[in-house]
C-alpha atoms as a PDB file:
ATOM      1  CA  UNK A   1     -16.373   3.272 -65.211  1.00  0.00           C
ATOM      2  CA  UNK A   2     -19.724   4.924 -65.146  1.00  0.00           C
ATOM      3  CA  UNK A   3     -20.995   7.545 -67.570  1.00  0.00           C
ATOM      4  CA  UNK A   4     -22.930   9.527 -65.061  1.00  0.00           C
ATOM      5  CA  UNK A   5     -20.735  12.379 -63.848  1.00  0.00           C
ATOM      6  CA  UNK A   6     -22.691  12.738 -60.661  1.00  0.00           C
ATOM      7  CA  UNK A   7     -21.991   9.118 -59.713  1.00  0.00           C
ATOM      8  CA  UNK A   8     -18.297   9.565 -60.539  1.00  0.00           C
ATOM      9  CA  UNK A   9     -18.048  12.715 -58.412  1.00  0.00           C
ATOM     10  CA  UNK A  10     -19.734  10.943 -55.471  1.00  0.00           C
ATOM     11  CA  UNK A  11     -17.368   8.132 -55.710  1.00  0.00           C
ATOM     12  CA  UNK A  12     -14.442  10.450 -55.756  1.00  0.00           C
ATOM     13  CA  UNK A  13     -15.810  12.204 -52.701  1.00  0.00           C
ATOM     14  CA  UNK A  14     -16.421   8.918 -50.877  1.00  0.00           C
ATOM     15  CA  UNK A  15     -12.733   7.793 -51.663  1.00  0.00           C
ATOM     16  CA  UNK A  16     -11.477  11.084 -50.385  1.00  0.00           C
ATOM     17  CA  UNK A  17     -13.365  10.713 -47.093  1.00  0.00           C
ATOM     18  CA  UNK A  18     -12.334   7.079 -46.563  1.00  0.00           C
ATOM     19  CA  UNK A  19      -8.795   7.990 -45.421  1.00  0.00           C
ATOM     20  CA  UNK A  20      -9.912  10.475 -42.726  1.00  0.00           C
ATOM     21  CA  UNK A  21     -12.491   8.058 -41.511  1.00  0.00           C
ATOM     22  CA  UNK A  22      -9.945   5.269 -41.200  1.00  0.00           C
ATOM     23  CA  UNK A  23      -7.529   7.573 -39.355  1.00  0.00           C
ATOM     24  CA  UNK A  24     -10.364   8.613 -37.079  1.00  0.00           C
ATOM     25  CA  UNK A  25     -11.115   5.026 -36.191  1.00  0.00           C
ATOM     26  CA  UNK A  26      -7.366   4.278 -35.630  1.00  0.00           C
ATOM     27  CA  UNK A  27      -7.147   7.283 -33.288  1.00  0.00           C
ATOM     28  CA  UNK A  28     -10.293   6.141 -31.391  1.00  0.00           C
ATOM     29  CA  UNK A  29      -8.845   2.499 -31.041  1.00  0.00           C
ATOM     30  CA  UNK A  30      -5.507   3.853 -29.888  1.00  0.00           C
ATOM     31  CA  UNK A  31      -7.253   6.228 -27.292  1.00  0.00           C
ATOM     32  CA  UNK A  32      -9.254   3.216 -26.043  1.00  0.00           C
ATOM     33  CA  UNK A  33      -6.017   1.140 -25.601  1.00  0.00           C
ATOM     34  CA  UNK A  34      -4.474   4.100 -23.825  1.00  0.00           C
ATOM     35  CA  UNK A  35      -7.353   4.364 -21.384  1.00  0.00           C
ATOM     36  CA  UNK A  36      -7.231   0.459 -20.919  1.00  0.00           C
ATOM     37  CA  UNK A  37      -3.518   0.738 -20.106  1.00  0.00           C
ATOM     38  CA  UNK A  38      -4.154   3.644 -17.603  1.00  0.00           C
ATOM     39  CA  UNK A  39      -6.794   1.630 -15.871  1.00  0.00           C
ATOM     40  CA  UNK A  40      -4.445  -1.413 -15.735  1.00  0.00           C
ATOM     41  CA  UNK A  41      -1.748   0.663 -14.148  1.00  0.00           C
ATOM     42  CA  UNK A  42      -4.097   2.013 -11.475  1.00  0.00           C
ATOM     43  CA  UNK A  43      -5.204  -1.650 -10.685  1.00  0.00           C
ATOM     44  CA  UNK A  44      -1.698  -2.803 -10.611  1.00  0.00           C
ATOM     45  CA  UNK A  45      -0.716  -0.032  -8.192  1.00  0.00           C
ATOM     46  CA  UNK A  46      -3.823  -0.748  -5.986  1.00  0.00           C
ATOM     47  CA  UNK A  47      -2.726  -4.462  -5.836  1.00  0.00           C
ATOM     48  CA  UNK A  48       0.716  -3.484  -4.798  1.00  0.00           C
ATOM     49  CA  UNK A  49      -0.538  -1.020  -2.167  1.00  0.00           C
ATOM     50  CA  UNK A  50      -3.000  -3.651  -0.778  1.00  0.00           C
ATOM     51  CA  UNK A  51      -0.128  -6.048  -0.472  1.00  0.00           C
ATOM     52  CA  UNK A  52       1.750  -3.543   1.749  1.00  0.00           C
ATOM     53  CA  UNK A  53      -1.353  -2.899   3.887  1.00  0.00           C
ATOM     54  CA  UNK A  54      -1.802  -6.703   4.152  1.00  0.00           C
ATOM     55  CA  UNK A  55       1.656  -6.984   5.523  1.00  0.00           C
ATOM     56  CA  UNK A  56       0.973  -4.274   8.060  1.00  0.00           C
ATOM     57  CA  UNK A  57      -2.217  -5.938   9.308  1.00  0.00           C
ATOM     58  CA  UNK A  58      -0.262  -9.223   9.540  1.00  0.00           C
ATOM     59  CA  UNK A  59       2.430  -7.560  11.490  1.00  0.00           C
ATOM     60  CA  UNK A  60      -0.016  -5.938  13.889  1.00  0.00           C
ATOM     61  CA  UNK A  61      -1.651  -9.259  14.482  1.00  0.00           C
ATOM     62  CA  UNK A  62       1.741 -10.814  15.065  1.00  0.00           C
ATOM     63  CA  UNK A  63       2.694  -8.186  17.611  1.00  0.00           C
ATOM     64  CA  UNK A  64      -0.614  -8.285  19.408  1.00  0.00           C
ATOM     65  CA  UNK A  65      -0.591 -12.054  19.616  1.00  0.00           C
ATOM     66  CA  UNK A  66       1.577 -12.058  22.733  1.00  0.00           C
ATOM     67  CA  UNK A  67       3.178  -8.553  22.518  1.00  0.00           C
ATOM     68  CA  UNK A  68       6.536 -10.117  22.076  1.00  0.00           C
ATOM     69  CA  UNK A  69       7.320 -10.463  18.498  1.00  0.00           C
ATOM     70  CA  UNK A  70      10.274 -12.645  17.468  1.00  0.00           C
ATOM     71  CA  UNK A  71      13.317 -10.779  16.163  1.00  0.00           C
ATOM     72  CA  UNK A  72      13.159 -12.590  12.890  1.00  0.00           C
ATOM     73  CA  UNK A  73       9.595 -11.192  12.357  1.00  0.00           C
ATOM     74  CA  UNK A  74      10.635  -7.767  13.307  1.00  0.00           C
ATOM     75  CA  UNK A  75      13.538  -7.961  10.813  1.00  0.00           C
ATOM     76  CA  UNK A  76      11.181  -9.337   8.121  1.00  0.00           C
ATOM     77  CA  UNK A  77       8.704  -6.376   8.329  1.00  0.00           C
ATOM     78  CA  UNK A  78      10.859  -3.757   6.591  1.00  0.00           C
ATOM     79  CA  UNK A  79      11.526  -6.122   3.701  1.00  0.00           C
ATOM     80  CA  UNK A  80       7.881  -6.888   3.320  1.00  0.00           C
ATOM     81  CA  UNK A  81       6.864  -3.307   3.227  1.00  0.00           C
ATOM     82  CA  UNK A  82       9.923  -1.943   1.240  1.00  0.00           C
ATOM     83  CA  UNK A  83       7.740  -0.921  -1.822  1.00  0.00           C
ATOM     84  CA  UNK A  84       5.957   1.623   0.345  1.00  0.00           C
ATOM     85  CA  UNK A  85       8.530   4.276  -0.346  1.00  0.00           C
ATOM     86  CA  UNK A  86       7.598   4.168  -3.942  1.00  0.00           C
ATOM     87  CA  UNK A  87       3.856   3.547  -3.724  1.00  0.00           C
ATOM     88  CA  UNK A  88       2.621   6.063  -1.071  1.00  0.00           C
ATOM     89  CA  UNK A  89       3.261   9.591   0.152  1.00  0.00           C
ATOM     90  CA  UNK A  90       5.781  10.086   2.815  1.00  0.00           C
ATOM     91  CA  UNK A  91       3.286   9.577   5.819  1.00  0.00           C
ATOM     92  CA  UNK A  92       3.047   5.844   5.038  1.00  0.00           C
ATOM     93  CA  UNK A  93       6.785   5.022   5.146  1.00  0.00           C
ATOM     94  CA  UNK A  94       7.136   7.174   8.413  1.00  0.00           C
ATOM     95  CA  UNK A  95       4.218   5.251   9.957  1.00  0.00           C
ATOM     96  CA  UNK A  96       5.800   1.853   8.949  1.00  0.00           C
ATOM     97  CA  UNK A  97       9.097   3.023  10.435  1.00  0.00           C
ATOM     98  CA  UNK A  98       7.260   3.944  13.677  1.00  0.00           C
ATOM     99  CA  UNK A  99       5.483   0.530  13.809  1.00  0.00           C
ATOM    100  CA  UNK A 100       8.832  -1.159  13.523  1.00  0.00           C
ATOM    101  CA  UNK A 101      10.639   0.893  16.132  1.00  0.00           C
ATOM    102  CA  UNK A 102       7.705   0.670  18.679  1.00  0.00           C
ATOM    103  CA  UNK A 103       7.540  -3.069  18.196  1.00  0.00           C
ATOM    104  CA  UNK A 104      11.287  -3.334  18.813  1.00  0.00           C
ATOM    105  CA  UNK A 105      10.834  -1.189  21.947  1.00  0.00           C
ATOM    106  CA  UNK A 106       8.014  -3.272  23.076  1.00  0.00           C
ATOM    107  CA  UNK A 107      10.207  -6.368  22.635  1.00  0.00           C
ATOM    108  CA  UNK A 108      13.085  -4.791  24.520  1.00  0.00           C
ATOM    109  CA  UNK A 109      10.841  -3.881  27.317  1.00  0.00           C
ATOM    110  CA  UNK A 110       9.460  -7.362  27.556  1.00  0.00           C
ATOM    111  CA  UNK A 111      12.975  -8.713  27.560  1.00  0.00           C
ATOM    112  CA  UNK A 112      13.962  -6.333  30.466  1.00  0.00           C
ATOM    113  CA  UNK A 113      10.887  -7.249  32.519  1.00  0.00           C
ATOM    114  CA  UNK A 114      11.565  -8.984  35.746  1.00  0.00           C
ATOM    115  CA  UNK A 115       8.949 -10.768  37.747  1.00  0.00           C
ATOM    116  CA  UNK A 116       9.270 -11.650  41.462  1.00  0.00           C
ATOM    117  CA  UNK A 117      11.059 -14.863  40.555  1.00  0.00           C
ATOM    118  CA  UNK A 118      13.930 -13.280  38.621  1.00  0.00           C
ATOM    119  CA  UNK A 119      16.648 -11.203  40.049  1.00  0.00           C
ATOM    120  CA  UNK A 120      16.887  -7.657  38.763  1.00  0.00           C
ATOM    121  CA  UNK A 121      20.101  -5.765  37.880  1.00  0.00           C
ATOM    122  CA  UNK A 122      20.799  -2.791  40.143  1.00  0.00           C
ATOM    123  CA  UNK A 123      19.734  -0.166  37.592  1.00  0.00           C
ATOM    124  CA  UNK A 124      16.412  -1.980  36.948  1.00  0.00           C
ATOM    125  CA  UNK A 125      13.284   0.175  37.373  1.00  0.00           C
ATOM    126  CA  UNK A 126      10.193  -2.119  37.504  1.00  0.00           C
ATOM    127  CA  UNK A 127       7.758   0.734  37.334  1.00  0.00           C
ATOM    128  CA  UNK A 128       9.194   2.271  34.301  1.00  0.00           C
ATOM    129  CA  UNK A 129       9.454  -1.079  32.392  1.00  0.00           C
ATOM    130  CA  UNK A 130       5.797  -1.942  33.274  1.00  0.00           C
ATOM    131  CA  UNK A 131       4.726   1.599  32.100  1.00  0.00           C
ATOM    132  CA  UNK A 132       6.554   1.236  28.940  1.00  0.00           C
ATOM    133  CA  UNK A 133       5.145  -2.174  28.049  1.00  0.00           C
ATOM    134  CA  UNK A 134       1.588  -0.935  28.948  1.00  0.00           C
ATOM    135  CA  UNK A 135       2.018   2.131  26.846  1.00  0.00           C
ATOM    136  CA  UNK A 136       3.149   0.240  23.783  1.00  0.00           C
ATOM    137  CA  UNK A 137       0.467  -2.368  24.205  1.00  0.00           C
ATOM    138  CA  UNK A 138      -2.219   0.330  24.289  1.00  0.00           C
ATOM    139  CA  UNK A 139      -0.641   1.967  21.229  1.00  0.00           C
ATOM    140  CA  UNK A 140      -0.558  -1.198  19.240  1.00  0.00           C
ATOM    141  CA  UNK A 141      -4.223  -2.042  20.208  1.00  0.00           C
ATOM    142  CA  UNK A 142      -5.256   1.247  18.541  1.00  0.00           C
ATOM    143  CA  UNK A 143      -3.267   0.745  15.391  1.00  0.00           C
ATOM    144  CA  UNK A 144      -5.666  -1.606  13.610  1.00  0.00           C
ATOM    145  CA  UNK A 145      -8.120   1.316  13.138  1.00  0.00           C
ATOM    146  CA  UNK A 146      -5.267   3.877  12.787  1.00  0.00           C
ATOM    147  CA  UNK A 147      -3.589   1.842  10.027  1.00  0.00           C
ATOM    148  CA  UNK A 148      -6.966   1.518   8.149  1.00  0.00           C
ATOM    149  CA  UNK A 149      -7.332   5.265   8.263  1.00  0.00           C
ATOM    150  CA  UNK A 150      -3.790   6.061   7.087  1.00  0.00           C
ATOM    151  CA  UNK A 151      -4.053   3.609   4.143  1.00  0.00           C
ATOM    152  CA  UNK A 152      -7.691   4.546   3.262  1.00  0.00           C
ATOM    153  CA  UNK A 153      -6.862   7.469   0.853  1.00  0.00           C
ATOM    154  CA  UNK A 154      -4.617   5.117  -1.183  1.00  0.00           C
ATOM    155  CA  UNK A 155      -6.992   2.183  -1.138  1.00  0.00           C
ATOM    156  CA  UNK A 156     -10.458   3.760  -1.357  1.00  0.00           C
ATOM    157  CA  UNK A 157     -12.013   2.598  -4.546  1.00  0.00           C
ATOM    158  CA  UNK A 158     -15.310   4.254  -3.988  1.00  0.00           C
ATOM    159  CA  UNK A 159     -14.087   7.457  -5.651  1.00  0.00           C
END
């Protein structure tokens, strides 16, 4: 090689440092990949949560269209939002369950409603039926904003 002992020593030192430098670069690349995967997981979870929220908004729109949702639409809602149990805290699945049951109650009340052209069964209480329908309609009208507030902590990207 070279006859200068200082150059030979410098080459040995550089060769010795090369392995830790390569290891450091490999660790840095691995850390960057880990950070990228972590961000991808957050984005994937956000997309899945947004899909559940979208189904809730669509359900609210469907119920408020004529306040008499079809049974098939009611039965479809729990399947459309089934992921919520795994993507949110317990308050969201509880809220979705309340939406479903109140929509079903509204449908039942609408089915029970008798106008002056239909005969009513003996146990029919027109005042109670009308009060129930009105209460559910008012509740559903407030749910667009209520749903937004309930989902906000899970979908807020400003943080």
